[in-house]
Amino acid sequence: METSSTLTVTAQTLVLTDRPARYAEQIAKHFGHRCEAQWSGDSGFVAFEAGRCEMHAEEGGLRLAAAAFSPAGLAQIQDVVKRHLERWGEKDALRVEWDTLGQPAA
């Protein structure tokens, strides 16, 4: 676990898809074997050691908001979520492009 106890660095993205709940549920189930994760209805989260990723299904896309204890932790969460979603959504041409909300790049 990081030394700071506050999630201070953040990023968000909207992943365009007509099946946002399907992908969010897949993320929660996959990571739920390793850490706390939950999906119910149209929202959920994954609590990684480095921070947290909130997920919200919207019409036309999956909104992701990541928060971490450090820039390195944020980069780790962004990378792991991006790699998994893009691999699972290859047939749907999913692309995950994070906006770091004014934070310096890690």
N, C-alpha and C. Protein backbone atom coordinates (compact mmCIF):
# COMPACT_ATOMS: atom_id res chain seq x y z
N MET A 1 0.85 -1.18 0.00
CA MET A 1 0.00 0.00 0.00
C MET A 1 0.88 1.23 0.00
N GLU A 2 0.44 2.26 -0.67
CA GLU A 2 1.18 3.52 -0.72
C GLU A 2 1.22 4.15 0.68
N THR A 3 2.18 5.06 0.89
CA THR A 3 2.34 5.67 2.21
C THR A 3 1.27 6.70 2.53
N SER A 4 0.74 7.40 1.56
CA SER A 4 -0.30 8.38 1.80
C SER A 4 -1.64 7.67 1.96
N SER A 5 -2.51 8.20 2.80
CA SER A 5 -3.81 7.56 3.01
C SER A 5 -4.93 8.25 2.23
N THR A 6 -4.61 9.25 1.41
CA THR A 6 -5.61 9.99 0.67
C THR A 6 -5.43 9.76 -0.83
N LEU A 7 -6.53 9.49 -1.51
CA LEU A 7 -6.50 9.36 -2.96
C LEU A 7 -6.41 10.76 -3.54
N THR A 8 -5.23 11.13 -4.06
CA THR A 8 -5.00 12.51 -4.44
C THR A 8 -4.81 12.74 -5.93
N VAL A 9 -4.51 11.72 -6.68
CA VAL A 9 -4.33 11.91 -8.11
C VAL A 9 -5.45 11.17 -8.83
N THR A 10 -6.02 11.82 -9.84
CA THR A 10 -7.21 11.26 -10.48
C THR A 10 -7.12 11.32 -12.00
N ALA A 11 -7.93 10.48 -12.63
CA ALA A 11 -8.06 10.47 -14.08
C ALA A 11 -9.45 9.95 -14.41
N GLN A 12 -9.93 10.28 -15.59
CA GLN A 12 -11.24 9.77 -16.02
C GLN A 12 -11.22 9.53 -17.52
N THR A 13 -12.22 8.77 -17.96
CA THR A 13 -12.39 8.53 -19.39
C THR A 13 -13.81 8.06 -19.64
N LEU A 14 -14.24 8.22 -20.86
CA LEU A 14 -15.50 7.64 -21.32
C LEU A 14 -15.13 6.70 -22.46
N VAL A 15 -15.35 5.41 -22.24
CA VAL A 15 -15.06 4.39 -23.24
C VAL A 15 -16.34 4.18 -24.05
N LEU A 16 -16.29 4.52 -25.31
CA LEU A 16 -17.47 4.41 -26.16
C LEU A 16 -17.78 2.96 -26.48
N THR A 17 -18.99 2.54 -26.12
CA THR A 17 -19.46 1.18 -26.38
C THR A 17 -20.96 1.14 -26.22
N ASP A 18 -21.59 0.24 -26.94
CA ASP A 18 -23.03 0.06 -26.76
C ASP A 18 -23.31 -1.02 -25.72
N ARG A 19 -22.26 -1.55 -25.08
CA ARG A 19 -22.41 -2.57 -24.04
C ARG A 19 -21.60 -2.21 -22.79
N PRO A 20 -21.81 -1.03 -22.22
CA PRO A 20 -20.99 -0.61 -21.08
C PRO A 20 -21.14 -1.49 -19.84
N ALA A 21 -22.34 -1.92 -19.53
CA ALA A 21 -22.54 -2.75 -18.34
C ALA A 21 -21.84 -4.09 -18.47
N ARG A 22 -21.84 -4.64 -19.66
CA ARG A 22 -21.18 -5.93 -19.89
C ARG A 22 -19.70 -5.83 -19.57
N TYR A 23 -19.06 -4.78 -20.07
CA TYR A 23 -17.62 -4.63 -19.83
C TYR A 23 -17.31 -4.30 -18.37
N ALA A 24 -18.13 -3.47 -17.75
CA ALA A 24 -17.91 -3.14 -16.34
C ALA A 24 -18.07 -4.38 -15.46
N GLU A 25 -19.07 -5.18 -15.74
CA GLU A 25 -19.27 -6.40 -14.97
C GLU A 25 -18.09 -7.35 -15.15
N GLN A 26 -17.56 -7.41 -16.35
CA GLN A 26 -16.40 -8.25 -16.63
C GLN A 26 -15.18 -7.77 -15.85
N ILE A 27 -14.98 -6.46 -15.77
CA ILE A 27 -13.88 -5.91 -14.98
C ILE A 27 -14.04 -6.30 -13.51
N ALA A 28 -15.23 -6.09 -12.98
CA ALA A 28 -15.47 -6.38 -11.57
C ALA A 28 -15.27 -7.86 -11.26
N LYS A 29 -15.78 -8.73 -12.10
CA LYS A 29 -15.62 -10.17 -11.87
C LYS A 29 -14.16 -10.58 -11.96
N HIS A 30 -13.47 -10.06 -12.95
CA HIS A 30 -12.06 -10.42 -13.16
C HIS A 30 -11.20 -10.01 -11.96
N PHE A 31 -11.30 -8.75 -11.57
CA PHE A 31 -10.45 -8.26 -10.49
C PHE A 31 -10.99 -8.65 -9.11
N GLY A 32 -12.25 -9.05 -9.03
CA GLY A 32 -12.85 -9.44 -7.76
C GLY A 32 -12.20 -10.66 -7.13
N HIS A 33 -11.45 -11.40 -7.92
CA HIS A 33 -10.72 -12.55 -7.38
C HIS A 33 -9.45 -12.12 -6.66
N ARG A 34 -9.01 -10.88 -6.90
CA ARG A 34 -7.75 -10.39 -6.33
C ARG A 34 -7.93 -9.27 -5.32
N CYS A 35 -9.02 -8.52 -5.45
CA CYS A 35 -9.25 -7.37 -4.58
C CYS A 35 -10.75 -7.12 -4.48
N GLU A 36 -11.14 -6.16 -3.66
CA GLU A 36 -12.56 -5.86 -3.52
C GLU A 36 -13.07 -5.23 -4.82
N ALA A 37 -14.15 -5.78 -5.33
CA ALA A 37 -14.76 -5.28 -6.56
C ALA A 37 -16.25 -5.54 -6.50
N GLN A 38 -17.00 -4.64 -7.13
CA GLN A 38 -18.45 -4.75 -7.07
C GLN A 38 -19.06 -4.14 -8.33
N TRP A 39 -20.12 -4.77 -8.84
CA TRP A 39 -20.90 -4.21 -9.93
C TRP A 39 -22.36 -4.52 -9.66
N SER A 40 -23.20 -3.49 -9.73
CA SER A 40 -24.62 -3.68 -9.49
C SER A 40 -25.39 -2.66 -10.32
N GLY A 41 -26.26 -3.14 -11.18
CA GLY A 41 -27.07 -2.24 -12.00
C GLY A 41 -26.24 -1.50 -13.02
N ASP A 42 -25.97 -0.21 -12.76
CA ASP A 42 -25.20 0.59 -13.71
C ASP A 42 -23.96 1.22 -13.10
N SER A 43 -23.55 0.76 -11.91
CA SER A 43 -22.33 1.32 -11.32
C SER A 43 -21.61 0.30 -10.45
N GLY A 44 -20.34 0.58 -10.22
CA GLY A 44 -19.52 -0.30 -9.40
C GLY A 44 -18.12 0.25 -9.26
N PHE A 45 -17.23 -0.57 -8.72
CA PHE A 45 -15.86 -0.13 -8.48
C PHE A 45 -14.93 -1.34 -8.35
N VAL A 46 -13.65 -1.04 -8.46
CA VAL A 46 -12.59 -1.99 -8.11
C VAL A 46 -11.64 -1.23 -7.19
N ALA A 47 -11.37 -1.81 -6.02
CA ALA A 47 -10.46 -1.19 -5.05
C ALA A 47 -9.11 -1.89 -5.16
N PHE A 48 -8.23 -1.29 -5.96
CA PHE A 48 -6.87 -1.81 -6.12
C PHE A 48 -6.02 -1.39 -4.92
N GLU A 49 -4.89 -2.02 -4.75
CA GLU A 49 -3.98 -1.62 -3.68
C GLU A 49 -3.52 -0.18 -3.87
N ALA A 50 -3.33 0.24 -5.11
CA ALA A 50 -2.84 1.58 -5.41
C ALA A 50 -3.92 2.66 -5.37
N GLY A 51 -5.19 2.25 -5.37
CA GLY A 51 -6.28 3.23 -5.39
C GLY A 51 -7.58 2.57 -5.79
N ARG A 52 -8.38 3.29 -6.55
CA ARG A 52 -9.74 2.82 -6.84
C ARG A 52 -10.16 3.25 -8.25
N CYS A 53 -10.96 2.42 -8.88
CA CYS A 53 -11.54 2.76 -10.18
C CYS A 53 -13.04 2.62 -10.08
N GLU A 54 -13.75 3.73 -10.23
CA GLU A 54 -15.22 3.76 -10.22
C GLU A 54 -15.69 3.56 -11.66
N MET A 55 -16.80 2.84 -11.82
CA MET A 55 -17.34 2.55 -13.15
C MET A 55 -18.83 2.89 -13.18
N HIS A 56 -19.26 3.56 -14.26
CA HIS A 56 -20.66 3.92 -14.43
C HIS A 56 -21.06 3.68 -15.89
N ALA A 57 -22.07 2.84 -16.08
CA ALA A 57 -22.59 2.60 -17.43
C ALA A 57 -23.53 3.74 -17.80
N GLU A 58 -23.31 4.30 -18.96
CA GLU A 58 -24.15 5.37 -19.49
C GLU A 58 -24.61 4.96 -20.87
N GLU A 59 -25.60 5.65 -21.37
CA GLU A 59 -26.00 5.40 -22.75
C GLU A 59 -24.82 5.75 -23.65
N GLY A 60 -24.35 4.77 -24.39
CA GLY A 60 -23.25 4.99 -25.34
C GLY A 60 -21.86 4.80 -24.81
N GLY A 61 -21.70 4.51 -23.50
CA GLY A 61 -20.34 4.33 -23.03
C GLY A 61 -20.21 3.95 -21.57
N LEU A 62 -18.99 3.62 -21.22
CA LEU A 62 -18.62 3.27 -19.85
C LEU A 62 -17.72 4.37 -19.31
N ARG A 63 -18.20 5.08 -18.29
CA ARG A 63 -17.42 6.14 -17.67
C ARG A 63 -16.59 5.53 -16.56
N LEU A 64 -15.27 5.79 -16.61
CA LEU A 64 -14.33 5.31 -15.60
C LEU A 64 -13.69 6.50 -14.91
N ALA A 65 -13.56 6.43 -13.60
CA ALA A 65 -12.87 7.45 -12.82
C ALA A 65 -11.90 6.75 -11.89
N ALA A 66 -10.63 7.00 -12.08
CA ALA A 66 -9.59 6.38 -11.27
C ALA A 66 -9.03 7.39 -10.29
N ALA A 67 -8.75 6.95 -9.08
CA ALA A 67 -8.12 7.78 -8.06
C ALA A 67 -7.07 6.94 -7.37
N ALA A 68 -5.91 7.55 -7.09
CA ALA A 68 -4.81 6.79 -6.51
C ALA A 68 -4.08 7.60 -5.45
N PHE A 69 -3.25 6.90 -4.71
CA PHE A 69 -2.46 7.52 -3.64
C PHE A 69 -1.24 8.26 -4.18
N SER A 70 -0.82 7.94 -5.40
CA SER A 70 0.38 8.56 -5.98
C SER A 70 0.26 8.55 -7.51
N PRO A 71 1.06 9.36 -8.19
CA PRO A 71 1.07 9.32 -9.65
C PRO A 71 1.44 7.93 -10.19
N ALA A 72 2.37 7.26 -9.55
CA ALA A 72 2.76 5.92 -10.00
C ALA A 72 1.59 4.95 -9.84
N GLY A 73 0.86 5.06 -8.74
CA GLY A 73 -0.30 4.21 -8.54
C GLY A 73 -1.38 4.47 -9.56
N LEU A 74 -1.60 5.74 -9.88
CA LEU A 74 -2.59 6.10 -10.90
C LEU A 74 -2.20 5.50 -12.25
N ALA A 75 -0.95 5.63 -12.60
CA ALA A 75 -0.47 5.08 -13.87
C ALA A 75 -0.68 3.56 -13.91
N GLN A 76 -0.48 2.90 -12.79
CA GLN A 76 -0.67 1.45 -12.72
C GLN A 76 -2.15 1.10 -12.94
N ILE A 77 -3.05 1.80 -12.27
CA ILE A 77 -4.48 1.54 -12.43
C ILE A 77 -4.91 1.82 -13.88
N GLN A 78 -4.48 2.95 -14.42
CA GLN A 78 -4.83 3.30 -15.79
C GLN A 78 -4.36 2.21 -16.76
N ASP A 79 -3.14 1.76 -16.57
CA ASP A 79 -2.56 0.77 -17.48
C ASP A 79 -3.31 -0.56 -17.42
N VAL A 80 -3.55 -1.06 -16.21
CA VAL A 80 -4.17 -2.38 -16.09
C VAL A 80 -5.61 -2.36 -16.60
N VAL A 81 -6.36 -1.31 -16.32
CA VAL A 81 -7.74 -1.21 -16.80
C VAL A 81 -7.74 -1.07 -18.33
N LYS A 82 -6.88 -0.22 -18.85
CA LYS A 82 -6.78 -0.02 -20.31
C LYS A 82 -6.45 -1.33 -21.03
N ARG A 83 -5.42 -2.02 -20.55
CA ARG A 83 -5.00 -3.27 -21.22
C ARG A 83 -6.11 -4.31 -21.23
N HIS A 84 -6.77 -4.49 -20.10
CA HIS A 84 -7.82 -5.49 -20.03
C HIS A 84 -9.02 -5.11 -20.90
N LEU A 85 -9.50 -3.89 -20.79
CA LEU A 85 -10.66 -3.48 -21.58
C LEU A 85 -10.38 -3.55 -23.08
N GLU A 86 -9.23 -3.08 -23.51
CA GLU A 86 -8.93 -3.09 -24.94
C GLU A 86 -8.76 -4.50 -25.46
N ARG A 87 -8.22 -5.39 -24.64
CA ARG A 87 -8.09 -6.79 -25.07
C ARG A 87 -9.46 -7.45 -25.15
N TRP A 88 -10.29 -7.28 -24.12
CA TRP A 88 -11.62 -7.88 -24.12
C TRP A 88 -12.51 -7.28 -25.20
N GLY A 89 -12.34 -6.01 -25.49
CA GLY A 89 -13.19 -5.31 -26.45
C GLY A 89 -12.57 -5.15 -27.81
N GLU A 90 -11.62 -6.00 -28.14
CA GLU A 90 -10.94 -5.88 -29.43
C GLU A 90 -11.92 -5.94 -30.60
N LYS A 91 -12.88 -6.85 -30.55
CA LYS A 91 -13.86 -6.97 -31.64
C LYS A 91 -14.74 -5.73 -31.74
N ASP A 92 -14.96 -5.05 -30.62
CA ASP A 92 -15.75 -3.82 -30.61
C ASP A 92 -14.90 -2.57 -30.79
N ALA A 93 -13.60 -2.76 -31.01
CA ALA A 93 -12.65 -1.66 -31.20
C ALA A 93 -12.66 -0.68 -30.03
N LEU A 94 -12.73 -1.20 -28.79
CA LEU A 94 -12.70 -0.32 -27.62
C LEU A 94 -11.36 0.38 -27.51
N ARG A 95 -11.40 1.66 -27.14
CA ARG A 95 -10.20 2.45 -26.91
C ARG A 95 -10.37 3.18 -25.58
N VAL A 96 -9.34 3.11 -24.76
CA VAL A 96 -9.35 3.77 -23.46
C VAL A 96 -8.29 4.86 -23.49
N GLU A 97 -8.72 6.11 -23.43
CA GLU A 97 -7.83 7.26 -23.43
C GLU A 97 -8.11 8.07 -22.17
N TRP A 98 -7.24 7.98 -21.20
CA TRP A 98 -7.42 8.63 -19.90
C TRP A 98 -7.11 10.12 -19.95
N ASP A 99 -7.91 10.91 -19.25
CA ASP A 99 -7.66 12.34 -19.01
C ASP A 99 -7.24 12.45 -17.56
N THR A 100 -6.04 12.98 -17.30
CA THR A 100 -5.52 13.02 -15.95
C THR A 100 -5.99 14.22 -15.13
N LEU A 101 -7.00 14.92 -15.57
CA LEU A 101 -7.64 15.98 -14.79
C LEU A 101 -6.66 17.00 -14.22
N GLY A 102 -5.74 17.45 -15.06
CA GLY A 102 -4.82 18.48 -14.64
C GLY A 102 -3.62 17.98 -13.85
N GLN A 103 -3.51 16.67 -13.67
CA GLN A 103 -2.38 16.11 -12.93
C GLN A 103 -1.20 15.94 -13.89
N PRO A 104 0.03 16.06 -13.42
CA PRO A 104 1.17 15.78 -14.28
C PRO A 104 1.21 14.31 -14.63
N ALA A 105 1.68 13.99 -15.80
CA ALA A 105 1.80 12.60 -16.22
C ALA A 105 2.79 11.87 -15.34
N ALA A 106 2.50 10.62 -15.06
CA ALA A 106 3.37 9.81 -14.20
C ALA A 106 4.60 9.36 -14.95
